[in-house]
C-alpha atoms as a PDB file:
ATOM      1  CA  MET A   1     -35.903-151.028  38.407  1.00  0.00           C
ATOM      2  CA  ASP A   2     -39.446-150.641  37.110  1.00  0.00           C
ATOM      3  CA  LEU A   3     -41.608-150.410  40.234  1.00  0.00           C
ATOM      4  CA  ARG A   4     -44.807-151.158  38.326  1.00  0.00           C
ATOM      5  CA  ALA A   5     -43.423-154.444  37.050  1.00  0.00           C
ATOM      6  CA  TYR A   6     -42.002-155.278  40.495  1.00  0.00           C
ATOM      7  CA  TYR A   7     -45.319-154.853  42.296  1.00  0.00           C
ATOM      8  CA  GLN A   8     -47.247-156.572  39.499  1.00  0.00           C
ATOM      9  CA  LYS A   9     -44.953-159.590  39.808  1.00  0.00           C
ATOM     10  CA  MET A  10     -45.397-159.530  43.620  1.00  0.00           C
ATOM     11  CA  ARG A  11     -49.199-159.565  43.238  1.00  0.00           C
ATOM     12  CA  GLU A  12     -48.980-162.484  40.771  1.00  0.00           C
ATOM     13  CA  VAL A  13     -46.797-164.549  43.086  1.00  0.00           C
ATOM     14  CA  GLU A  14     -48.998-163.683  46.077  1.00  0.00           C
ATOM     15  CA  ARG A  15     -52.088-164.943  44.192  1.00  0.00           C
ATOM     16  CA  GLU A  16     -50.339-168.288  43.593  1.00  0.00           C
ATOM     17  CA  ILE A  17     -49.853-168.828  47.336  1.00  0.00           C
ATOM     18  CA  ALA A  18     -52.688-170.606  49.133  1.00  0.00           C
ATOM     19  CA  GLY A  19     -53.415-169.742  52.756  1.00  0.00           C
ATOM     20  CA  GLU A  20     -52.054-166.965  54.918  1.00  0.00           C
ATOM     21  CA  ASP A  21     -48.620-168.440  55.705  1.00  0.00           C
ATOM     22  CA  THR A  22     -46.326-170.437  53.472  1.00  0.00           C
ATOM     23  CA  VAL A  23     -42.961-172.168  53.692  1.00  0.00           C
ATOM     24  CA  VAL A  24     -40.094-170.782  51.641  1.00  0.00           C
ATOM     25  CA  ILE A  25     -36.618-172.152  51.032  1.00  0.00           C
ATOM     26  CA  SER A  26     -33.836-169.576  51.004  1.00  0.00           C
ATOM     27  CA  VAL A  27     -31.513-169.256  48.029  1.00  0.00           C
ATOM     28  CA  GLU A  28     -27.824-168.448  48.329  1.00  0.00           C
ATOM     29  CA  THR A  29     -27.264-164.786  47.489  1.00  0.00           C
ATOM     30  CA  PRO A  30     -24.116-162.789  46.680  1.00  0.00           C
ATOM     31  CA  ASP A  31     -24.636-160.618  49.772  1.00  0.00           C
ATOM     32  CA  GLY A  32     -24.178-163.594  52.121  1.00  0.00           C
ATOM     33  CA  GLY A  33     -27.637-165.179  52.134  1.00  0.00           C
ATOM     34  CA  LYS A  34     -27.453-168.844  53.115  1.00  0.00           C
ATOM     35  CA  GLY A  35     -29.272-171.259  50.831  1.00  0.00           C
ATOM     36  CA  GLY A  36     -31.510-174.175  51.778  1.00  0.00           C
ATOM     37  CA  VAL A  37     -33.000-172.789  54.998  1.00  0.00           C
ATOM     38  CA  ALA A  38     -36.744-173.406  55.337  1.00  0.00           C
ATOM     39  CA  THR A  39     -38.889-170.763  57.038  1.00  0.00           C
ATOM     40  CA  GLU A  40     -42.612-170.160  57.415  1.00  0.00           C
ATOM     41  CA  VAL A  41     -43.537-166.583  56.528  1.00  0.00           C
ATOM     42  CA  PRO A  42     -46.679-164.573  55.726  1.00  0.00           C
ATOM     43  CA  LYS A  43     -47.884-164.734  52.128  1.00  0.00           C
ATOM     44  CA  ARG A  44     -46.907-161.136  51.299  1.00  0.00           C
ATOM     45  CA  LEU A  45     -43.333-161.568  52.579  1.00  0.00           C
ATOM     46  CA  ALA A  46     -42.995-164.860  50.707  1.00  0.00           C
ATOM     47  CA  ALA A  47     -44.017-163.142  47.474  1.00  0.00           C
ATOM     48  CA  LYS A  48     -41.479-160.366  48.079  1.00  0.00           C
ATOM     49  CA  MET A  49     -38.684-162.854  48.767  1.00  0.00           C
ATOM     50  CA  VAL A  50     -39.491-164.850  45.622  1.00  0.00           C
ATOM     51  CA  VAL A  51     -39.620-161.748  43.393  1.00  0.00           C
ATOM     52  CA  GLU A  52     -36.314-160.495  44.804  1.00  0.00           C
ATOM     53  CA  GLY A  53     -34.693-163.906  44.198  1.00  0.00           C
ATOM     54  CA  ARG A  54     -33.951-164.515  47.878  1.00  0.00           C
ATOM     55  CA  ALA A  55     -36.190-167.586  48.245  1.00  0.00           C
ATOM     56  CA  LYS A  56     -38.342-170.076  46.388  1.00  0.00           C
ATOM     57  CA  LEU A  57     -41.667-171.544  47.436  1.00  0.00           C
ATOM     58  CA  ALA A  58     -41.402-174.953  49.086  1.00  0.00           C
ATOM     59  CA  ASP A  59     -43.242-177.815  47.430  1.00  0.00           C
ATOM     60  CA  GLY A  60     -45.992-179.697  49.293  1.00  0.00           C
ATOM     61  CA  PRO A  61     -43.916-182.527  50.858  1.00  0.00           C
ATOM     62  CA  THR A  62     -41.135-180.135  51.914  1.00  0.00           C
ATOM     63  CA  ALA A  63     -43.610-177.748  53.543  1.00  0.00           C
ATOM     64  CA  LYS A  64     -45.383-180.628  55.298  1.00  0.00           C
ATOM     65  CA  ALA A  65     -42.088-182.008  56.644  1.00  0.00           C
ATOM     66  CA  PHE A  66     -41.066-178.526  57.859  1.00  0.00           C
ATOM     67  CA  ARG A  67     -44.376-178.005  59.686  1.00  0.00           C
ATOM     68  CA  GLU A  68     -44.214-181.484  61.271  1.00  0.00           C
ATOM     69  CA  LYS A  69     -40.669-180.829  62.466  1.00  0.00           C
ATOM     70  CA  ALA A  70     -41.705-177.425  63.868  1.00  0.00           C
ATOM     71  CA  ALA A  71     -44.711-178.984  65.658  1.00  0.00           C
ATOM     72  CA  GLU A  72     -42.490-181.679  67.198  1.00  0.00           C
ATOM     73  CA  ALA A  73     -39.985-179.050  68.357  1.00  0.00           C
ATOM     74  CA  LYS A  74     -42.821-177.065  69.965  1.00  0.00           C
ATOM     75  CA  ARG A  75     -44.149-180.185  71.714  1.00  0.00           C
ATOM     76  CA  ALA A  76     -40.677-180.936  73.067  1.00  0.00           C
ATOM     77  CA  ALA A  77     -40.255-177.342  74.276  1.00  0.00           C
ATOM     78  CA  ASP A  78     -43.684-177.409  75.938  1.00  0.00           C
ATOM     79  CA  GLU A  79     -42.852-180.694  77.699  1.00  0.00           C
ATOM     80  CA  LEU A  80     -39.532-179.284  78.894  1.00  0.00           C
ATOM     81  CA  ALA A  81     -41.224-176.139  80.180  1.00  0.00           C
ATOM     82  CA  ALA A  82     -43.842-178.224  82.009  1.00  0.00           C
ATOM     83  CA  ALA A  83     -41.144-180.424  83.542  1.00  0.00           C
ATOM     84  CA  ASN A  84     -39.260-177.375  84.789  1.00  0.00           C
ATOM     85  CA  LYS A  85     -42.266-175.910  86.561  1.00  0.00           C
ATOM     86  CA  LEU A  86     -42.162-176.115  90.316  1.00  0.00           C
ATOM     87  CA  GLN A  87     -45.481-175.951  92.060  1.00  0.00           C
ATOM     88  CA  VAL A  88     -45.578-175.133  95.741  1.00  0.00           C
ATOM     89  CA  SER A  89     -48.666-175.142  97.933  1.00  0.00           C
ATOM     90  CA  LEU A  90     -48.755-173.964 101.509  1.00  0.00           C
ATOM     91  CA  VAL A  91     -51.144-175.818 103.805  1.00  0.00           C
ATOM     92  CA  SER A  92     -51.778-175.508 107.503  1.00  0.00           C
ATOM     93  CA  THR A  93     -50.862-178.325 109.877  1.00  0.00           C
ATOM     94  CA  ASN A  94     -54.544-179.129 110.411  1.00  0.00           C
ATOM     95  CA  GLU A  95     -55.150-179.286 106.653  1.00  0.00           C
ATOM     96  CA  LEU A  96     -52.108-181.540 106.217  1.00  0.00           C
ATOM     97  CA  GLN A  97     -53.382-183.934 108.906  1.00  0.00           C
ATOM     98  CA  ARG A  98     -56.814-183.978 107.269  1.00  0.00           C
ATOM     99  CA  LEU A  99     -55.299-184.732 103.871  1.00  0.00           C
ATOM    100  CA  ARG A 100     -53.118-187.508 105.292  1.00  0.00           C
ATOM    101  CA  GLY A 101     -56.144-189.013 107.052  1.00  0.00           C
ATOM    102  CA  ALA A 102     -58.193-188.883 103.852  1.00  0.00           C
ATOM    103  CA  ALA A 103     -55.376-190.532 101.897  1.00  0.00           C
ATOM    104  CA  SER A 104     -55.083-193.383 104.383  1.00  0.00           C
ATOM    105  CA  GLY A 105     -58.850-193.855 104.591  1.00  0.00           C
ATOM    106  CA  LYS A 106     -59.096-192.642 108.166  1.00  0.00           C
ATOM    107  CA  LYS A 107     -61.201-189.808 109.368  1.00  0.00           C
ATOM    108  CA  GLY A 108     -59.366-186.606 110.085  1.00  0.00           C
ATOM    109  CA  PRO A 109     -59.803-184.523 113.200  1.00  0.00           C
ATOM    110  CA  SER A 110     -63.497-183.851 113.714  1.00  0.00           C
ATOM    111  CA  ASP A 111     -65.017-180.449 114.163  1.00  0.00           C
ATOM    112  CA  SER A 112     -66.974-181.679 117.198  1.00  0.00           C
ATOM    113  CA  HIS A 113     -63.926-181.237 119.493  1.00  0.00           C
ATOM    114  CA  GLY A 114     -64.050-184.808 120.801  1.00  0.00           C
ATOM    115  CA  LEU A 115     -67.778-184.798 121.542  1.00  0.00           C
ATOM    116  CA  VAL A 116     -69.701-187.913 120.590  1.00  0.00           C
END
């Protein structure tokens, strides 16, 4: 393999890629690589995968659909994580009575110790 040609081709492919990250679609390879799997990778890795014949660059609509699906999966995971959080607060009995009184619109125990 001519290393000069390899790296020249990598630089050419890397120049074609806009932005820092890009979506690539894997290609089936003889060593067991599964074809058709979309992945977002850094520009340099995408160029390497394309030059080595392990992936091809995704077109605009495919990349957009992949990113939308990934964003929806992240939203769902964030919602699940938020739902699984358990928040516990410890309050004193006096604080609890004050909070209950405030919620019902009544005054809580006064600090004047019953003095008018």
